[in-house]
Protein backbone atom coordinates (compact mmCIF):
# COMPACT_ATOMS: atom_id res chain seq x y z
CA UNK A 1 22.97 -11.40 6.88
CA UNK A 2 24.52 -14.82 6.11
CA UNK A 3 24.22 -15.69 9.39
CA UNK A 4 20.72 -14.91 9.49
CA UNK A 5 19.94 -16.81 6.47
CA UNK A 6 22.15 -19.82 7.88
CA UNK A 7 19.88 -19.27 11.21
CA UNK A 8 17.11 -19.97 9.00
CA UNK A 9 17.88 -22.70 7.34
CA UNK A 10 19.05 -24.46 10.58
CA UNK A 11 15.53 -23.84 11.64
CA UNK A 12 14.12 -25.47 8.26
CA UNK A 13 16.47 -28.31 8.40
CA UNK A 14 15.47 -29.31 11.97
CA UNK A 15 11.53 -29.26 10.91
CA UNK A 16 12.24 -31.77 7.96
CA UNK A 17 15.14 -33.89 9.61
CA UNK A 18 14.21 -36.89 7.58
CA UNK A 19 12.32 -36.89 4.20
CA UNK A 20 10.14 -39.83 5.61
CA UNK A 21 8.10 -40.56 2.45
CA UNK A 22 9.47 -44.02 2.30
CA UNK A 23 10.02 -43.57 -1.72
CA UNK A 24 13.01 -44.22 -3.91
CA UNK A 25 14.62 -47.18 -1.80
CA UNK A 26 16.02 -47.82 -5.03
CA UNK A 27 16.86 -45.69 -8.03
CA UNK A 28 13.54 -44.20 -9.15
CA UNK A 29 12.56 -45.46 -12.90
CA UNK A 30 10.80 -43.77 -15.23
CA UNK A 31 10.65 -41.73 -18.23
CA UNK A 32 10.43 -37.57 -18.50
CA UNK A 33 9.70 -35.46 -21.63
CA UNK A 34 12.79 -32.70 -21.34
CA UNK A 35 15.49 -34.15 -23.00
CA UNK A 36 13.73 -35.26 -25.40
CA UNK A 37 11.04 -33.03 -26.27
CA UNK A 38 12.57 -29.69 -24.59
CA UNK A 39 9.88 -26.94 -24.88
CA UNK A 40 7.69 -28.42 -27.64
CA UNK A 41 4.34 -26.27 -26.98
CA UNK A 42 3.12 -26.03 -30.96
CA UNK A 43 0.30 -28.33 -31.00
CA UNK A 44 -0.63 -26.88 -33.86
CA UNK A 45 2.41 -28.08 -36.66
CA UNK A 46 3.72 -30.47 -33.67
CA UNK A 47 0.57 -32.14 -32.06
CA UNK A 48 2.04 -36.04 -31.73
CA UNK A 49 5.35 -34.03 -29.96
CA UNK A 50 4.17 -30.91 -28.09
CA UNK A 51 4.17 -31.13 -24.40
CA UNK A 52 0.11 -31.84 -23.67
CA UNK A 53 -1.74 -34.79 -22.83
CA UNK A 54 -1.93 -36.45 -26.04
CA UNK A 55 1.97 -37.02 -25.63
CA UNK A 56 1.97 -37.79 -21.66
CA UNK A 57 -1.31 -40.72 -22.69
CA UNK A 58 0.22 -42.24 -25.22
CA UNK A 59 3.51 -42.62 -23.35
CA UNK A 60 1.38 -44.04 -20.85
CA UNK A 61 0.35 -46.06 -22.71
CA UNK A 62 3.13 -48.02 -23.94
CA UNK A 63 4.95 -47.99 -20.74
CA UNK A 64 1.77 -50.20 -19.59
CA UNK A 65 1.24 -52.29 -22.49
CA UNK A 66 5.07 -52.70 -23.56
CA UNK A 67 6.79 -54.07 -20.83
CA UNK A 68 8.28 -50.99 -18.77
CA UNK A 69 5.94 -50.82 -16.15
CA UNK A 70 6.76 -54.74 -14.87
CA UNK A 71 10.27 -53.92 -15.15
CA UNK A 72 10.10 -50.87 -12.57
CA UNK A 73 9.66 -48.00 -14.97
CA UNK A 74 6.87 -46.17 -13.32
CA UNK A 75 7.38 -42.69 -13.17
CA UNK A 76 5.97 -40.43 -15.77
CA UNK A 77 7.55 -37.39 -15.63
CA UNK A 78 6.22 -33.52 -17.37
CA UNK A 79 9.12 -31.08 -17.35
CA UNK A 80 8.81 -27.67 -18.22
CA UNK A 81 6.85 -25.43 -20.00
CA UNK A 82 3.25 -27.22 -19.14
CA UNK A 83 1.93 -24.11 -17.23
CA UNK A 84 -0.02 -20.93 -18.40
CA UNK A 85 2.49 -17.73 -18.02
CA UNK A 86 -0.02 -16.53 -15.39
CA UNK A 87 -1.61 -18.20 -11.92
CA UNK A 88 -5.00 -18.24 -11.50
CA UNK A 89 -7.13 -15.44 -9.15
CA UNK A 90 -6.18 -17.46 -6.29
CA UNK A 91 -2.72 -17.41 -6.89
CA UNK A 92 -2.39 -21.24 -8.41
CA UNK A 93 -0.34 -22.84 -10.81
CA UNK A 94 -2.42 -24.03 -13.71
CA UNK A 95 -1.59 -25.78 -16.62
CA UNK A 96 -2.06 -24.35 -20.24
CA UNK A 97 -5.99 -25.59 -21.01
CA UNK A 98 -4.99 -26.13 -24.73
CA UNK A 99 -2.35 -28.26 -23.95
CA UNK A 100 -3.97 -29.95 -21.13
CA UNK A 101 -7.74 -29.87 -21.51
CA UNK A 102 -8.85 -32.09 -19.43
CA UNK A 103 -6.28 -30.92 -16.22
CA UNK A 104 -3.89 -32.38 -14.18
CA UNK A 105 -5.64 -34.38 -12.11
CA UNK A 106 -7.83 -35.97 -14.59
CA UNK A 107 -4.23 -36.71 -16.11
CA UNK A 108 -2.57 -38.03 -13.08
CA UNK A 109 -6.21 -40.15 -12.70
CA UNK A 110 -5.34 -41.68 -16.62
CA UNK A 111 -1.50 -42.48 -15.52
CA UNK A 112 -2.62 -43.89 -12.45
CA UNK A 113 -5.04 -46.41 -13.94
CA UNK A 114 -2.18 -47.95 -15.67
CA UNK A 115 -0.15 -48.27 -12.61
CA UNK A 116 2.03 -45.45 -13.29
CA UNK A 117 2.77 -42.54 -11.42
CA UNK A 118 2.72 -39.25 -12.60
CA UNK A 119 5.77 -36.81 -12.18
CA UNK A 120 5.36 -33.04 -12.59
CA UNK A 121 8.03 -29.62 -12.82
CA UNK A 122 8.70 -26.93 -10.66
CA UNK A 123 11.04 -24.51 -10.32
CA UNK A 124 12.70 -22.33 -7.03
CA UNK A 125 12.61 -18.70 -8.45
CA UNK A 126 10.67 -16.47 -10.08
CA UNK A 127 10.94 -18.27 -13.47
CA UNK A 128 11.05 -21.21 -14.69
CA UNK A 129 13.85 -21.83 -17.11
CA UNK A 130 11.36 -21.82 -19.92
CA UNK A 131 9.75 -18.42 -19.12
CA UNK A 132 6.87 -20.14 -16.83
CA UNK A 133 5.83 -19.10 -13.76
CA UNK A 134 8.04 -19.91 -10.75
CA UNK A 135 7.97 -20.86 -6.87
CA UNK A 136 8.99 -18.13 -4.35
CA UNK A 137 9.58 -18.74 -1.10
CA UNK A 138 6.37 -17.27 -0.29
CA UNK A 139 4.12 -19.29 -3.07
CA UNK A 140 5.89 -22.78 -1.80
CA UNK A 141 3.16 -24.15 0.44
CA UNK A 142 0.34 -23.35 -2.20
CA UNK A 143 2.54 -25.03 -4.60
CA UNK A 144 3.11 -28.13 -2.81
CA UNK A 145 -0.92 -28.34 -1.90
CA UNK A 146 -1.50 -27.62 -5.83
CA UNK A 147 0.58 -31.11 -6.48
CA UNK A 148 -0.71 -32.83 -3.92
CA UNK A 149 -4.47 -32.34 -4.91
CA UNK A 150 -4.10 -32.96 -8.45
CA UNK A 151 -1.78 -36.50 -7.26
CA UNK A 152 1.38 -36.12 -8.29
CA UNK A 153 3.70 -38.51 -7.67
CA UNK A 154 7.03 -36.62 -8.30
CA UNK A 155 8.56 -33.31 -8.03
CA UNK A 156 11.24 -31.76 -10.16
CA UNK A 157 12.14 -28.98 -8.86
CA UNK A 158 14.72 -26.56 -10.52
CA UNK A 159 16.81 -23.93 -9.46
CA UNK A 160 16.60 -20.81 -12.18
CA UNK A 161 16.00 -17.12 -11.64
CA UNK A 162 17.30 -17.63 -7.77
CA UNK A 163 19.99 -16.61 -5.81
CA UNK A 164 22.13 -19.65 -3.63
CA UNK A 165 20.18 -17.89 -0.65
CA UNK A 166 16.92 -18.12 -1.80
CA UNK A 167 17.80 -22.02 -2.62
CA UNK A 168 19.17 -22.24 0.73
CA UNK A 169 15.78 -21.57 1.85
CA UNK A 170 13.73 -22.71 -0.47
CA UNK A 171 14.65 -26.11 -1.28
CA UNK A 172 14.05 -27.38 2.57
CA UNK A 173 10.92 -25.22 2.62
CA UNK A 174 9.77 -27.30 -0.28
CA UNK A 175 10.43 -30.58 1.10
CA UNK A 176 8.62 -30.11 4.44
CA UNK A 177 5.86 -28.61 2.51
CA UNK A 178 5.25 -31.84 0.32
CA UNK A 179 5.55 -33.62 3.53
CA UNK A 180 3.24 -31.76 5.28
CA UNK A 181 0.47 -32.20 2.56
CA UNK A 182 0.41 -35.77 3.30
CA UNK A 183 0.91 -37.18 0.28
CA UNK A 184 3.80 -39.12 -0.15
CA UNK A 185 5.82 -37.18 -3.69
CA UNK A 186 9.34 -37.94 -4.91
CA UNK A 187 11.02 -35.35 -4.47
CA UNK A 188 14.17 -34.21 -7.00
CA UNK A 189 16.30 -31.01 -6.69
CA UNK A 190 18.29 -29.52 -9.06
CA UNK A 191 19.86 -27.66 -5.70
CA UNK A 192 23.53 -28.68 -6.23
CA UNK A 193 23.73 -28.20 -10.25
CA UNK A 194 23.29 -24.94 -9.41
CA UNK A 195 25.89 -24.52 -6.82
CA UNK A 196 28.79 -26.49 -8.58
CA UNK A 197 28.38 -29.46 -6.92
CA UNK A 198 30.70 -30.30 -4.67
CA UNK A 199 31.10 -29.82 -0.91
CA UNK A 200 31.53 -27.20 0.77
CA UNK A 201 29.21 -25.49 -1.56
CA UNK A 202 26.86 -28.32 -1.61
CA UNK A 203 26.30 -30.12 1.65
CA UNK A 204 25.27 -33.55 0.94
CA UNK A 205 24.44 -34.53 4.26
CA UNK A 206 21.39 -32.16 4.25
CA UNK A 207 20.23 -32.99 0.78
CA UNK A 208 20.11 -36.52 2.12
CA UNK A 209 17.73 -35.75 4.41
CA UNK A 210 15.21 -33.67 2.67
CA UNK A 211 15.67 -35.26 -1.13
CA UNK A 212 15.40 -38.26 -2.86
CA UNK A 213 17.37 -37.28 -5.44
CA UNK A 214 19.08 -34.59 -6.75
CA UNK A 215 20.94 -33.19 -10.08
CA UNK A 216 24.86 -32.90 -9.41
CA UNK A 217 26.09 -31.17 -13.13
CA UNK A 218 24.70 -29.35 -15.96
CA UNK A 219 22.02 -30.84 -18.59
CA UNK A 220 22.83 -34.08 -20.36
CA UNK A 221 22.76 -33.26 -24.20
CA UNK A 222 21.75 -35.70 -26.71
CA UNK A 223 25.86 -36.46 -27.83
CA UNK A 224 28.58 -39.04 -26.94
CA UNK A 225 30.69 -35.75 -25.48
CA UNK A 226 28.12 -34.75 -23.55
CA UNK A 227 27.87 -38.26 -21.36
CA UNK A 228 31.81 -38.46 -21.45
CA UNK A 229 32.00 -35.07 -19.78
CA UNK A 230 28.87 -36.35 -16.63
CA UNK A 231 30.62 -39.45 -16.46
CA UNK A 232 34.30 -37.69 -16.14
CA UNK A 233 32.82 -35.36 -13.86
CA UNK A 234 31.25 -38.07 -11.43
CA UNK A 235 34.58 -40.00 -11.98
CA UNK A 236 37.03 -36.96 -10.97
CA UNK A 237 34.92 -36.47 -7.82
CA UNK A 238 33.82 -39.92 -6.57
CA UNK A 239 35.34 -39.41 -3.69
CA UNK A 240 32.93 -36.23 -2.85
CA UNK A 241 29.65 -38.25 -4.23
CA UNK A 242 29.85 -41.57 -3.38
CA UNK A 243 28.88 -41.39 0.00
CA UNK A 244 26.30 -39.08 -0.43
CA UNK A 245 24.52 -42.34 -2.32
CA UNK A 246 22.02 -44.52 -0.58
CA UNK A 247 18.44 -46.15 0.14
CA UNK A 248 16.10 -42.79 -0.11
CA UNK A 249 18.51 -40.20 -1.56
CA UNK A 250 20.75 -40.64 -5.06
CA UNK A 251 22.88 -38.73 -6.94
CA UNK A 252 21.52 -38.17 -10.47
CA UNK A 253 24.12 -37.91 -13.69
CA UNK A 254 20.73 -36.87 -15.94
CA UNK A 255 18.28 -38.46 -18.22
CA UNK A 256 18.92 -41.79 -20.38
CA UNK A 257 19.21 -41.10 -23.85
CA UNK A 258 19.05 -44.63 -25.56
CA UNK A 259 16.96 -44.31 -28.24
CA UNK A 260 17.09 -40.81 -29.18
CA UNK A 261 19.32 -39.73 -32.20
CA UNK A 262 22.98 -39.09 -30.76
CA UNK A 263 24.69 -42.25 -29.54
CA UNK A 264 25.35 -45.49 -31.12
CA UNK A 265 24.34 -49.02 -30.38
CA UNK A 266 27.73 -49.07 -28.29
CA UNK A 267 28.08 -45.58 -26.77
CA UNK A 268 24.07 -46.41 -25.46
CA UNK A 269 25.29 -49.46 -23.81
CA UNK A 270 27.79 -47.12 -22.36
CA UNK A 271 26.13 -44.61 -20.91
CA UNK A 272 23.72 -47.82 -19.32
CA UNK A 273 26.23 -49.52 -17.96
CA UNK A 274 28.55 -46.56 -15.82
CA UNK A 275 24.78 -45.32 -14.82
CA UNK A 276 23.96 -48.55 -13.26
CA UNK A 277 27.66 -48.51 -11.63
CA UNK A 278 26.67 -45.39 -10.11
CA UNK A 279 23.22 -46.59 -8.87
CA UNK A 280 21.80 -43.96 -10.81
CA UNK A 281 17.97 -42.90 -11.80
CA UNK A 282 16.98 -44.86 -14.60
CA UNK A 283 14.60 -41.82 -15.94
CA UNK A 284 14.30 -42.21 -19.98
CA UNK A 285 13.64 -39.17 -22.68
CA UNK A 286 12.62 -41.14 -25.55
CA UNK A 287 9.96 -41.79 -27.43
CA UNK A 288 8.82 -45.14 -26.81
CA UNK A 289 5.70 -45.09 -29.51
CA UNK A 290 8.39 -45.51 -31.93
CA UNK A 291 11.58 -46.62 -29.88
CA UNK A 292 14.00 -49.03 -31.69
CA UNK A 293 13.80 -52.88 -31.31
CA UNK A 294 17.57 -52.69 -30.13
CA UNK A 295 16.77 -49.58 -28.31
CA UNK A 296 14.06 -51.25 -25.82
CA UNK A 297 15.95 -54.54 -25.53
CA UNK A 298 18.80 -52.60 -24.17
CA UNK A 299 16.85 -50.58 -21.81
CA UNK A 300 14.85 -53.60 -20.46
CA UNK A 301 17.67 -55.40 -20.19
CA UNK A 302 16.38 -57.20 -17.06
CA UNK A 303 20.06 -57.88 -15.30
CA UNK A 304 20.86 -54.47 -16.13
CA UNK A 305 18.21 -53.52 -14.38
CA UNK A 306 18.69 -55.96 -11.32
CA UNK A 307 22.25 -54.24 -11.24
CA UNK A 308 21.10 -50.92 -10.97
CA UNK A 309 18.22 -51.56 -8.66
CA UNK A 310 20.49 -53.64 -6.12
CA UNK A 311 19.20 -53.02 -2.57
CA UNK A 312 22.28 -52.59 -0.92
CA UNK A 313 22.11 -48.70 -2.93
CA UNK A 314 26.32 -47.80 -3.06
CA UNK A 315 27.27 -46.26 -5.61
CA UNK A 316 30.42 -47.30 -7.79
CA UNK A 317 33.27 -45.86 -8.94
CA UNK A 318 35.37 -45.91 -11.54
CA UNK A 319 38.93 -48.06 -10.17
CA UNK A 320 41.12 -47.84 -12.71
CA UNK A 321 42.39 -46.18 -16.07
CA UNK A 322 44.58 -47.03 -18.47
CA UNK A 323 45.26 -45.47 -21.99
CA UNK A 324 41.47 -45.33 -23.09
CA UNK A 325 40.29 -48.11 -20.76
CA UNK A 326 38.48 -47.53 -18.01
CA UNK A 327 37.44 -50.08 -14.96
CA UNK A 328 34.33 -48.99 -13.34
CA UNK A 329 32.82 -51.12 -10.46
CA UNK A 330 29.96 -51.68 -8.10
CA UNK A 331 29.47 -53.81 -4.93
CA UNK A 332 26.35 -55.51 -4.54
CA UNK A 333 24.49 -57.25 -2.23
CA UNK A 334 25.91 -60.98 -0.79
CA UNK A 335 29.34 -60.29 -1.71
CA UNK A 336 28.03 -59.86 -6.11
CA UNK A 337 29.63 -56.94 -8.06
CA UNK A 338 29.13 -55.35 -11.55
CA UNK A 339 32.10 -54.20 -13.42
CA UNK A 340 32.30 -52.29 -16.66
CA UNK A 341 35.62 -51.88 -19.01
CA UNK A 342 34.90 -49.27 -21.06
CA UNK A 343 36.91 -48.32 -24.01
CA UNK A 344 36.51 -44.24 -24.52
CA UNK A 345 38.87 -44.86 -27.93
CA UNK A 346 37.60 -43.17 -31.06
CA UNK A 347 40.40 -44.92 -33.50
CA UNK A 348 38.28 -47.70 -34.83
CA UNK A 349 39.78 -50.61 -33.44
CA UNK A 350 38.75 -52.82 -30.37
CA UNK A 351 40.82 -53.31 -27.30
CA UNK A 352 41.79 -56.27 -26.18
CA UNK A 353 41.99 -56.35 -22.33
CA UNK A 354 43.06 -58.95 -19.28
CA UNK A 355 42.17 -58.60 -15.73
CA UNK A 356 41.72 -61.01 -12.26
CA UNK A 357 39.00 -60.48 -10.05
CA UNK A 358 42.01 -60.29 -7.53
CA UNK A 359 43.22 -57.65 -8.99
CA UNK A 360 39.70 -55.73 -8.44
CA UNK A 361 40.27 -57.33 -4.81
CA UNK A 362 37.30 -59.51 -5.35
CA UNK A 363 38.60 -62.45 -3.66
CA UNK A 364 35.98 -63.28 -0.74
CA UNK A 365 34.65 -66.74 -2.28
CA UNK A 366 37.26 -69.23 -2.28
CA UNK A 367 34.76 -71.69 -4.69
CA UNK A 368 35.32 -68.72 -7.37
CA UNK A 369 32.59 -66.61 -8.80
CA UNK A 370 30.23 -67.01 -11.79
CA UNK A 371 30.90 -64.42 -14.35
CA UNK A 372 27.82 -63.02 -16.30
CA UNK A 373 28.13 -60.76 -19.59
CA UNK A 374 25.38 -58.40 -19.18
CA UNK A 375 24.50 -56.87 -22.56
CA UNK A 376 25.34 -60.18 -24.60
CA UNK A 377 23.36 -62.26 -21.87
CA UNK A 378 25.58 -64.83 -21.59
CA UNK A 379 27.10 -66.70 -18.73
CA UNK A 380 31.13 -66.94 -19.43
CA UNK A 381 31.83 -69.92 -16.62
CA UNK A 382 33.52 -70.07 -12.84
CA UNK A 383 36.62 -68.12 -12.14
CA UNK A 384 38.63 -68.40 -9.33
CA UNK A 385 39.87 -65.16 -8.14
CA UNK A 386 43.44 -65.19 -9.47
CA UNK A 387 42.38 -66.40 -13.12
CA UNK A 388 42.89 -63.78 -16.09
CA UNK A 389 39.27 -62.92 -17.81
CA UNK A 390 39.95 -62.35 -21.46
CA UNK A 391 37.30 -59.72 -23.33
CA UNK A 392 37.04 -57.39 -26.30
CA UNK A 393 35.83 -53.81 -26.32
CA UNK A 394 34.64 -52.02 -29.07
CA UNK A 395 35.54 -48.18 -29.24
CA UNK A 396 33.32 -46.03 -27.32
CA UNK A 397 31.81 -49.17 -26.08
CA UNK A 398 31.60 -51.04 -22.87
CA UNK A 399 31.50 -54.87 -21.94
CA UNK A 400 29.82 -55.44 -18.06
CA UNK A 401 30.57 -58.45 -16.14
CA UNK A 402 28.14 -59.52 -13.22
CA UNK A 403 30.08 -61.24 -10.29
CA UNK A 404 28.28 -64.13 -8.44
CA UNK A 405 30.16 -66.09 -5.76
CA UNK A 406 29.78 -69.72 -6.93
CA UNK A 407 28.21 -71.04 -4.26
CA UNK A 408 24.74 -69.18 -4.89
CA UNK A 409 22.60 -70.54 -7.05
CA UNK A 410 21.72 -67.99 -9.59
CA UNK A 411 19.44 -68.10 -12.76
CA UNK A 412 20.07 -64.53 -14.68
CA UNK A 413 16.82 -61.96 -14.94
């Protein structure tokens, strides 16, 4: 039986040997409902925060008029719990008419009119994780055609209520079905997260040919412990993960939770810094209608976004670990680098740390390098590779540096 499944999988892989949608040449940026709003469907008691078109329109308005769109945050994605509990008479998925009275096509039009893109959620299985109709092997094509007819721009395809063999068939088949619609639809696959996230159970060569991004690990929660668990998993498995990422195909450590309830200011900086080092999608899940000034400033940091969106598309890695301190580094285009020094300590005492660029094997430029503090938005000066860089890192905080050859003129964005 396994040989039969393998044969079908190889046939499907040949059909969609390249995703060929031209999307996600840099990590996608945008906003998603799940972490902040979960499956809140009670629009009578909580009309401002339930999963419905009023929430999506309100967030879309903020993304369009508060500077998010211009910085690249363009996807606005509805996660689980948008549908009715049954398909229509034609076998199509249908949005809840109470919470989405205008329908999905009209909502897509609203989002598109503001220069944004609409994302939607599906599940490779009998049901979604929230218990709504899933997508089986028999309904993949009809669901892809339905999403395209609504002019959806992104599909997050989850994996509850299906087995490994069904996933191995369904995820490539959906990629082919989306391509066959003729509409460019960003394809986010949750497949690896259900198979342990690592080879040999996960074939990242195949994933890179059928998906634009993929969830490798469990869901993020609104807590520092959750962020730490994710970054430690990525660091521990970086040798297997780094080569999988690149333009058009990204590892996804999950949503940004800056602006929610669980992270301090220092911890928010830390998540953002490491996600940028990882070349991760910048998909927020928060309330942009009430977000604080401090959280907005962090998420709209232009130099941070410049680093995350670097066109080389090379995922960074943890390069050193000393007690509670970790050094993470990412190579960028034109001999540029991003370096983050993370203090995972919780003892309340800022840590002093000294290093040189030579310690990190950044030595190509004989004239030295210009250093910028990403979050303080300060130019720190010109540094020779062997010159020590002194810094103080707050507990659960980070110092993030942008490193550029001194021979190249640069004004931080």
